Amino acid sequence: MKPFEGMMTNEALAGYNQRLFSGNWRSRIHLSRFHWLAAALRRLQLAPARIIELGCFDGKTIELLDQPPACYLGLDANWEGGLDAGKRRFSDRPNVEMRLCRKPCDIPTPAVPFNVGICMETLEHLPAEIVEPYLLRLSQVVNGYLFITVPVERGPVFLLKHGTKRLLRMQDDRFSRREFFDSVLGRMERVERREHKGFDDRALVRAVRQYFNVVSIAGIFPGLPIHSLNLTIGIIAKTRA
């Protein structure tokens, strides 16, 4: 979920999914978070689950779980029309609901709490000041586990990713020389925040701890034991109720 809105044609949506999930090297990175989630749900014996997903886009998560969810509420800002596509996609599934969500108070209070919350590749796109209100609201509607995935945007991974983009003259966020150097050193408080730019996974973990008990943090891709050497990490947290 991103703090933008727009409409995506069916052709553009197909292109988006093709680009991210078509079997190339990029799709391996993006699919890895879904495999991590499915394995975690299996290990914790949470299926079939009552799921709320923040940043659901078109609901792709549903199709990549081992078992269909008992119920599913997908929330998204409708970036590029993904939410509209998801509504059409699951219009015949009475246990699947998808809603527009632009702020934490848009998250409805369920009659029965969800036992699984999901937030994959979403929180890094939000302004820092709204992340904790979202976490607070999720802690109020989930009684169980919260699964979060986010990118690493600091240290050697940052240097590899953004250094390569600079060498190949690929489109990238604008970093001053000082911001680039500070990102390599992990001094993220000195880097202006805008979506991925300046995002600090360590600060997010501290925020999650304010509202949940963090159960584990693991590298997802490529799955290295040192968190900061992964492109993506996964956080499993549990509600305190």
C-alpha atoms as a PDB file:
ATOM      1  CA  MET A   1       0.000   0.000   0.000  1.00  0.00           C
ATOM      2  CA  LYS A   2       1.358   3.402  -0.973  1.00  0.00           C
ATOM      3  CA  PRO A   3       0.163   6.897  -0.116  1.00  0.00           C
ATOM      4  CA  PHE A   4      -0.838   7.465  -3.730  1.00  0.00           C
ATOM      5  CA  GLU A   5      -3.865   6.579  -5.737  1.00  0.00           C
ATOM      6  CA  GLY A   6      -4.384   5.912  -9.388  1.00  0.00           C
ATOM      7  CA  MET A   7      -6.068   3.611 -11.815  1.00  0.00           C
ATOM      8  CA  MET A   8      -4.453   0.676 -13.541  1.00  0.00           C
ATOM      9  CA  THR A   9      -5.910  -0.854 -16.688  1.00  0.00           C
ATOM     10  CA  ASN A  10      -6.277  -4.626 -16.919  1.00  0.00           C
ATOM     11  CA  GLU A  11      -3.339  -4.671 -19.324  1.00  0.00           C
ATOM     12  CA  ALA A  12      -1.189  -2.608 -16.971  1.00  0.00           C
ATOM     13  CA  LEU A  13      -2.138  -4.801 -14.011  1.00  0.00           C
ATOM     14  CA  ALA A  14      -1.191  -7.912 -15.981  1.00  0.00           C
ATOM     15  CA  GLY A  15       2.094  -6.243 -16.851  1.00  0.00           C
ATOM     16  CA  TYR A  16       2.712  -5.357 -13.206  1.00  0.00           C
ATOM     17  CA  ASN A  17       2.183  -8.956 -12.069  1.00  0.00           C
ATOM     18  CA  GLN A  18       4.179 -10.264 -15.020  1.00  0.00           C
ATOM     19  CA  ARG A  19       7.075  -7.974 -14.131  1.00  0.00           C
ATOM     20  CA  LEU A  20       7.119  -8.988 -10.473  1.00  0.00           C
ATOM     21  CA  PHE A  21       6.050 -12.647 -10.613  1.00  0.00           C
ATOM     22  CA  SER A  22       6.925 -14.032 -14.039  1.00  0.00           C
ATOM     23  CA  GLY A  23       9.731 -16.351 -12.958  1.00  0.00           C
ATOM     24  CA  ASN A  24      12.749 -14.115 -13.544  1.00  0.00           C
ATOM     25  CA  TRP A  25      15.295 -13.062 -10.913  1.00  0.00           C
ATOM     26  CA  ARG A  26      13.044 -10.235  -9.729  1.00  0.00           C
ATOM     27  CA  SER A  27      10.106 -12.569  -9.142  1.00  0.00           C
ATOM     28  CA  ARG A  28      12.280 -14.786  -6.938  1.00  0.00           C
ATOM     29  CA  ILE A  29      12.778 -11.838  -4.628  1.00  0.00           C
ATOM     30  CA  HIS A  30       9.097 -10.887  -4.549  1.00  0.00           C
ATOM     31  CA  LEU A  31       7.780 -14.444  -4.253  1.00  0.00           C
ATOM     32  CA  SER A  32      10.154 -15.206  -1.376  1.00  0.00           C
ATOM     33  CA  ARG A  33       8.040 -13.211   1.081  1.00  0.00           C
ATOM     34  CA  PHE A  34       4.926 -15.207   0.207  1.00  0.00           C
ATOM     35  CA  HIS A  35       6.813 -18.470   0.670  1.00  0.00           C
ATOM     36  CA  TRP A  36       8.126 -17.193   4.030  1.00  0.00           C
ATOM     37  CA  LEU A  37       4.606 -16.287   5.127  1.00  0.00           C
ATOM     38  CA  ALA A  38       3.109 -19.629   4.084  1.00  0.00           C
ATOM     39  CA  ALA A  39       5.884 -21.527   5.875  1.00  0.00           C
ATOM     40  CA  ALA A  40       5.403 -19.464   9.046  1.00  0.00           C
ATOM     41  CA  LEU A  41       1.631 -20.045   9.088  1.00  0.00           C
ATOM     42  CA  ARG A  42       2.278 -23.751   8.584  1.00  0.00           C
ATOM     43  CA  ARG A  43       4.850 -23.886  11.373  1.00  0.00           C
ATOM     44  CA  LEU A  44       2.611 -22.033  13.812  1.00  0.00           C
ATOM     45  CA  GLN A  45      -0.421 -24.104  12.756  1.00  0.00           C
ATOM     46  CA  LEU A  46      -2.522 -21.026  12.057  1.00  0.00           C
ATOM     47  CA  ALA A  47      -4.385 -22.272   8.989  1.00  0.00           C
ATOM     48  CA  PRO A  48      -7.154 -21.796   8.117  1.00  0.00           C
ATOM     49  CA  ALA A  49      -6.654 -18.298   9.447  1.00  0.00           C
ATOM     50  CA  ARG A  50      -8.748 -15.200   9.990  1.00  0.00           C
ATOM     51  CA  ILE A  51      -6.586 -12.708   8.124  1.00  0.00           C
ATOM     52  CA  ILE A  52      -6.350  -8.953   7.887  1.00  0.00           C
ATOM     53  CA  GLU A  53      -3.792  -7.688   5.376  1.00  0.00           C
ATOM     54  CA  LEU A  54      -2.634  -4.095   5.227  1.00  0.00           C
ATOM     55  CA  GLY A  55      -1.338  -3.222   1.763  1.00  0.00           C
ATOM     56  CA  CYS A  56      -3.048  -6.148   0.041  1.00  0.00           C
ATOM     57  CA  PHE A  57      -2.916  -4.715  -3.511  1.00  0.00           C
ATOM     58  CA  ASP A  58      -4.994  -7.242  -5.533  1.00  0.00           C
ATOM     59  CA  GLY A  59      -5.067  -9.982  -2.872  1.00  0.00           C
ATOM     60  CA  LYS A  60      -2.308 -12.140  -4.327  1.00  0.00           C
ATOM     61  CA  THR A  61      -1.526 -13.448  -0.832  1.00  0.00           C
ATOM     62  CA  ILE A  62      -4.752 -15.482  -0.807  1.00  0.00           C
ATOM     63  CA  GLU A  63      -3.650 -17.607  -3.753  1.00  0.00           C
ATOM     64  CA  LEU A  64      -0.207 -18.366  -2.350  1.00  0.00           C
ATOM     65  CA  LEU A  65      -1.276 -19.740   1.040  1.00  0.00           C
ATOM     66  CA  ASP A  66      -1.356 -23.467   1.720  1.00  0.00           C
ATOM     67  CA  GLN A  67      -5.041 -23.237   2.669  1.00  0.00           C
ATOM     68  CA  PRO A  68      -7.706 -20.659   1.826  1.00  0.00           C
ATOM     69  CA  PRO A  69      -8.314 -18.332   4.776  1.00  0.00           C
ATOM     70  CA  ALA A  70     -11.407 -18.758   6.926  1.00  0.00           C
ATOM     71  CA  CYS A  71     -11.980 -15.062   6.277  1.00  0.00           C
ATOM     72  CA  TYR A  72      -9.894 -12.328   4.734  1.00  0.00           C
ATOM     73  CA  LEU A  73     -10.024  -8.551   4.924  1.00  0.00           C
ATOM     74  CA  GLY A  74      -7.696  -6.800   2.510  1.00  0.00           C
ATOM     75  CA  LEU A  75      -6.919  -3.119   2.992  1.00  0.00           C
ATOM     76  CA  ASP A  76      -5.184  -0.921   0.459  1.00  0.00           C
ATOM     77  CA  ALA A  77      -4.924   2.695  -0.733  1.00  0.00           C
ATOM     78  CA  ASN A  78      -5.765   1.454  -4.254  1.00  0.00           C
ATOM     79  CA  TRP A  79      -2.358   2.321  -5.633  1.00  0.00           C
ATOM     80  CA  GLU A  80      -2.528   1.840  -9.404  1.00  0.00           C
ATOM     81  CA  GLY A  81      -6.003   0.350  -9.066  1.00  0.00           C
ATOM     82  CA  GLY A  82      -4.844  -2.862  -7.404  1.00  0.00           C
ATOM     83  CA  LEU A  83      -7.691  -2.849  -4.872  1.00  0.00           C
ATOM     84  CA  ASP A  84     -10.308  -2.483  -7.611  1.00  0.00           C
ATOM     85  CA  ALA A  85      -8.738  -5.434  -9.420  1.00  0.00           C
ATOM     86  CA  GLY A  86      -8.818  -7.491  -6.219  1.00  0.00           C
ATOM     87  CA  LYS A  87     -12.485  -6.740  -5.666  1.00  0.00           C
ATOM     88  CA  ARG A  88     -13.280  -8.019  -9.145  1.00  0.00           C
ATOM     89  CA  ARG A  89     -10.995 -10.992  -8.714  1.00  0.00           C
ATOM     90  CA  PHE A  90     -12.658 -12.240  -5.522  1.00  0.00           C
ATOM     91  CA  SER A  91     -16.195 -10.992  -6.067  1.00  0.00           C
ATOM     92  CA  ASP A  92     -17.527 -14.564  -5.822  1.00  0.00           C
ATOM     93  CA  ARG A  93     -15.815 -15.280  -2.482  1.00  0.00           C
ATOM     94  CA  PRO A  94     -18.180 -14.277   0.377  1.00  0.00           C
ATOM     95  CA  ASN A  95     -15.428 -14.738   2.972  1.00  0.00           C
ATOM     96  CA  VAL A  96     -13.150 -12.230   1.194  1.00  0.00           C
ATOM     97  CA  GLU A  97     -13.641  -8.502   1.671  1.00  0.00           C
ATOM     98  CA  MET A  98     -11.437  -5.742   0.300  1.00  0.00           C
ATOM     99  CA  ARG A  99     -11.655  -2.134   1.498  1.00  0.00           C
ATOM    100  CA  LEU A 100     -10.088   1.201   0.751  1.00  0.00           C
ATOM    101  CA  CYS A 101      -7.717   2.258   3.543  1.00  0.00           C
ATOM    102  CA  ARG A 102      -5.940   5.612   3.636  1.00  0.00           C
ATOM    103  CA  LYS A 103      -5.467   6.079   7.375  1.00  0.00           C
ATOM    104  CA  PRO A 104      -5.469   3.911  10.531  1.00  0.00           C
ATOM    105  CA  CYS A 105      -9.045   4.785  11.474  1.00  0.00           C
ATOM    106  CA  ASP A 106     -10.194   3.212   8.188  1.00  0.00           C
ATOM    107  CA  ILE A 107      -9.432  -0.199   9.691  1.00  0.00           C
ATOM    108  CA  PRO A 108     -12.792  -1.526  10.940  1.00  0.00           C
ATOM    109  CA  THR A 109     -13.331  -3.249  14.285  1.00  0.00           C
ATOM    110  CA  PRO A 110     -14.248  -6.888  13.618  1.00  0.00           C
ATOM    111  CA  ALA A 111     -16.948  -8.770  15.512  1.00  0.00           C
ATOM    112  CA  VAL A 112     -14.308 -11.451  16.147  1.00  0.00           C
ATOM    113  CA  PRO A 113     -10.604 -10.457  16.231  1.00  0.00           C
ATOM    114  CA  PHE A 114      -8.362 -11.634  13.421  1.00  0.00           C
ATOM    115  CA  ASN A 115      -5.721 -14.135  14.468  1.00  0.00           C
ATOM    116  CA  VAL A 116      -3.345 -13.208  11.653  1.00  0.00           C
ATOM    117  CA  GLY A 117      -2.242  -9.757  10.531  1.00  0.00           C
ATOM    118  CA  ILE A 118      -0.116  -9.347   7.408  1.00  0.00           C
ATOM    119  CA  CYS A 119       1.804  -6.299   6.224  1.00  0.00           C
ATOM    120  CA  MET A 120       4.279  -7.129   3.461  1.00  0.00           C
ATOM    121  CA  GLU A 121       6.400  -4.515   1.654  1.00  0.00           C
ATOM    122  CA  THR A 122       4.084  -1.750   2.837  1.00  0.00           C
ATOM    123  CA  LEU A 123       5.337   0.083   5.911  1.00  0.00           C
ATOM    124  CA  GLU A 124       8.451   1.395   4.159  1.00  0.00           C
ATOM    125  CA  HIS A 125       6.165   3.352   1.823  1.00  0.00           C
ATOM    126  CA  LEU A 126       4.346   5.196   4.600  1.00  0.00           C
ATOM    127  CA  PRO A 127       5.440   8.450   6.246  1.00  0.00           C
ATOM    128  CA  ALA A 128       7.248   7.637   9.491  1.00  0.00           C
ATOM    129  CA  GLU A 129       4.715   9.504  11.631  1.00  0.00           C
ATOM    130  CA  ILE A 130       1.841   7.283  10.546  1.00  0.00           C
ATOM    131  CA  VAL A 131       3.538   3.898  10.995  1.00  0.00           C
ATOM    132  CA  GLU A 132       2.986   3.655  14.752  1.00  0.00           C
ATOM    133  CA  PRO A 133      -0.707   4.621  14.529  1.00  0.00           C
ATOM    134  CA  TYR A 134      -1.151   1.788  12.037  1.00  0.00           C
ATOM    135  CA  LEU A 135       0.665  -0.634  14.350  1.00  0.00           C
ATOM    136  CA  LEU A 136      -1.493   0.498  17.264  1.00  0.00           C
ATOM    137  CA  ARG A 137      -4.668  -0.065  15.282  1.00  0.00           C
ATOM    138  CA  LEU A 138      -3.517  -3.498  14.151  1.00  0.00           C
ATOM    139  CA  SER A 139      -2.804  -4.428  17.780  1.00  0.00           C
ATOM    140  CA  GLN A 140      -6.440  -3.603  18.524  1.00  0.00           C
ATOM    141  CA  VAL A 141      -7.979  -5.819  15.843  1.00  0.00           C
ATOM    142  CA  VAL A 142      -5.548  -8.764  15.868  1.00  0.00           C
ATOM    143  CA  ASN A 143      -5.398 -11.357  18.621  1.00  0.00           C
ATOM    144  CA  GLY A 144      -2.599 -13.595  17.462  1.00  0.00           C
ATOM    145  CA  TYR A 145       0.327 -12.938  15.145  1.00  0.00           C
ATOM    146  CA  LEU A 146       1.479 -10.108  12.909  1.00  0.00           C
ATOM    147  CA  PHE A 147       3.728 -10.882   9.931  1.00  0.00           C
ATOM    148  CA  ILE A 148       5.727  -8.013   8.430  1.00  0.00           C
ATOM    149  CA  THR A 149       8.231  -7.921   5.606  1.00  0.00           C
ATOM    150  CA  VAL A 150      10.326  -4.875   4.700  1.00  0.00           C
ATOM    151  CA  PRO A 151      13.422  -4.166   2.604  1.00  0.00           C
ATOM    152  CA  VAL A 152      16.849  -3.420   4.007  1.00  0.00           C
ATOM    153  CA  GLU A 153      17.975   0.030   2.854  1.00  0.00           C
ATOM    154  CA  ARG A 154      21.291   0.389   4.644  1.00  0.00           C
ATOM    155  CA  GLY A 155      24.807  -1.023   4.788  1.00  0.00           C
ATOM    156  CA  PRO A 156      26.319  -3.357   2.175  1.00  0.00           C
ATOM    157  CA  VAL A 157      22.893  -4.184   0.713  1.00  0.00           C
ATOM    158  CA  PHE A 158      22.215  -0.509   0.088  1.00  0.00           C
ATOM    159  CA  LEU A 159      25.628  -0.096  -1.539  1.00  0.00           C
ATOM    160  CA  LEU A 160      25.061  -3.112  -3.789  1.00  0.00           C
ATOM    161  CA  LYS A 161      21.542  -2.129  -4.798  1.00  0.00           C
ATOM    162  CA  HIS A 162      21.870   1.605  -5.258  1.00  0.00           C
ATOM    163  CA  GLY A 163      25.511   1.563  -6.300  1.00  0.00           C
ATOM    164  CA  THR A 164      24.600  -0.779  -9.149  1.00  0.00           C
ATOM    165  CA  LYS A 165      21.757   1.527 -10.184  1.00  0.00           C
ATOM    166  CA  ARG A 166      24.155   4.450 -10.280  1.00  0.00           C
ATOM    167  CA  LEU A 167      26.700   2.558 -12.352  1.00  0.00           C
ATOM    168  CA  LEU A 168      24.035   1.422 -14.828  1.00  0.00           C
ATOM    169  CA  ARG A 169      22.328   4.836 -14.760  1.00  0.00           C
ATOM    170  CA  MET A 170      19.033   3.273 -13.726  1.00  0.00           C
ATOM    171  CA  GLN A 171      16.198   5.272 -12.214  1.00  0.00           C
ATOM    172  CA  ASP A 172      16.612   5.617  -8.457  1.00  0.00           C
ATOM    173  CA  ASP A 173      15.814   7.858  -5.495  1.00  0.00           C
ATOM    174  CA  ARG A 174      17.888  11.008  -5.323  1.00  0.00           C
ATOM    175  CA  PHE A 175      20.608  10.807  -2.704  1.00  0.00           C
ATOM    176  CA  SER A 176      23.091  13.538  -1.964  1.00  0.00           C
ATOM    177  CA  ARG A 177      26.659  12.291  -1.622  1.00  0.00           C
ATOM    178  CA  ARG A 178      26.385  12.645   2.129  1.00  0.00           C
ATOM    179  CA  GLU A 179      23.061  10.760   2.259  1.00  0.00           C
ATOM    180  CA  PHE A 180      24.526   7.978   0.145  1.00  0.00           C
ATOM    181  CA  PHE A 181      27.537   7.681   2.457  1.00  0.00           C
ATOM    182  CA  ASP A 182      25.336   7.792   5.591  1.00  0.00           C
ATOM    183  CA  SER A 183      23.090   5.039   4.173  1.00  0.00           C
ATOM    184  CA  VAL A 184      26.107   2.824   3.572  1.00  0.00           C
ATOM    185  CA  LEU A 185      27.181   3.406   7.184  1.00  0.00           C
ATOM    186  CA  GLY A 186      23.667   2.825   8.511  1.00  0.00           C
ATOM    187  CA  ARG A 187      23.249   6.377   9.840  1.00  0.00           C
ATOM    188  CA  MET A 188      19.668   6.530   8.639  1.00  0.00           C
ATOM    189  CA  GLU A 189      18.641   9.389  10.918  1.00  0.00           C
ATOM    190  CA  ARG A 190      20.714  11.642   8.654  1.00  0.00           C
ATOM    191  CA  VAL A 191      18.921  10.607   5.474  1.00  0.00           C
ATOM    192  CA  GLU A 192      15.750  12.328   4.315  1.00  0.00           C
ATOM    193  CA  ARG A 193      12.831   9.878   4.343  1.00  0.00           C
ATOM    194  CA  ARG A 194      10.721   9.218   1.314  1.00  0.00           C
ATOM    195  CA  GLU A 195       9.351   5.699   0.909  1.00  0.00           C
ATOM    196  CA  HIS A 196      12.396   3.415   0.526  1.00  0.00           C
ATOM    197  CA  LYS A 197      14.819   6.301   0.827  1.00  0.00           C
ATOM    198  CA  GLY A 198      16.053   6.590   4.403  1.00  0.00           C
ATOM    199  CA  PHE A 199      13.929   3.675   5.623  1.00  0.00           C
ATOM    200  CA  ASP A 200      15.440   2.017   8.707  1.00  0.00           C
ATOM    201  CA  ASP A 201      14.328  -1.525   9.457  1.00  0.00           C
ATOM    202  CA  ARG A 202      15.798  -1.221  12.967  1.00  0.00           C
ATOM    203  CA  ALA A 203      13.540   1.742  13.761  1.00  0.00           C
ATOM    204  CA  LEU A 204      10.564  -0.260  12.534  1.00  0.00           C
ATOM    205  CA  VAL A 205      11.418  -3.154  14.851  1.00  0.00           C
ATOM    206  CA  ARG A 206      11.542  -0.713  17.765  1.00  0.00           C
ATOM    207  CA  ALA A 207       8.122   0.608  16.780  1.00  0.00           C
ATOM    208  CA  VAL A 208       6.668  -2.904  16.535  1.00  0.00           C
ATOM    209  CA  ARG A 209       7.941  -3.653  20.039  1.00  0.00           C
ATOM    210  CA  GLN A 210       5.816  -0.795  21.351  1.00  0.00           C
ATOM    211  CA  TYR A 211       2.623  -2.725  20.550  1.00  0.00           C
ATOM    212  CA  PHE A 212       3.594  -6.372  20.068  1.00  0.00           C
ATOM    213  CA  ASN A 213       6.037  -8.936  21.392  1.00  0.00           C
ATOM    214  CA  VAL A 214       8.586  -9.612  18.651  1.00  0.00           C
ATOM    215  CA  VAL A 215       8.936 -13.369  18.252  1.00  0.00           C
ATOM    216  CA  SER A 216      11.567 -13.488  15.522  1.00  0.00           C
ATOM    217  CA  ILE A 217      13.392 -11.511  12.855  1.00  0.00           C
ATOM    218  CA  ALA A 218      14.826 -13.405   9.902  1.00  0.00           C
ATOM    219  CA  GLY A 219      16.406 -12.775   6.529  1.00  0.00           C
ATOM    220  CA  ILE A 220      13.991 -13.702   3.740  1.00  0.00           C
ATOM    221  CA  PHE A 221      16.028 -13.119   0.615  1.00  0.00           C
ATOM    222  CA  PRO A 222      18.571 -14.557   0.237  1.00  0.00           C
ATOM    223  CA  GLY A 223      17.993 -15.902   3.764  1.00  0.00           C
ATOM    224  CA  LEU A 224      21.341 -15.047   5.341  1.00  0.00           C
ATOM    225  CA  PRO A 225      21.666 -15.229   9.150  1.00  0.00           C
ATOM    226  CA  ILE A 226      22.908 -11.625   9.390  1.00  0.00           C
ATOM    227  CA  HIS A 227      19.765  -9.554   8.908  1.00  0.00           C
ATOM    228  CA  SER A 228      21.455  -6.538   7.338  1.00  0.00           C
ATOM    229  CA  LEU A 229      22.898  -8.663   4.510  1.00  0.00           C
ATOM    230  CA  ASN A 230      19.468  -9.560   3.149  1.00  0.00           C
ATOM    231  CA  LEU A 231      17.429  -7.626   0.611  1.00  0.00           C
ATOM    232  CA  THR A 232      14.282  -8.404   2.618  1.00  0.00           C
ATOM    233  CA  ILE A 233      13.655  -9.331   6.241  1.00  0.00           C
ATOM    234  CA  GLY A 234      10.619 -10.810   7.940  1.00  0.00           C
ATOM    235  CA  ILE A 235       9.329  -9.905  11.392  1.00  0.00           C
ATOM    236  CA  ILE A 236       6.965 -12.147  13.339  1.00  0.00           C
ATOM    237  CA  ALA A 237       5.269 -10.463  16.277  1.00  0.00           C
ATOM    238  CA  LYS A 238       2.579 -11.597  18.691  1.00  0.00           C
ATOM    239  CA  THR A 239      -0.134  -9.575  20.381  1.00  0.00           C
ATOM    240  CA  ARG A 240       0.074  -9.089  24.117  1.00  0.00           C
ATOM    241  CA  ALA A 241      -3.561  -9.873  24.875  1.00  0.00           C
END
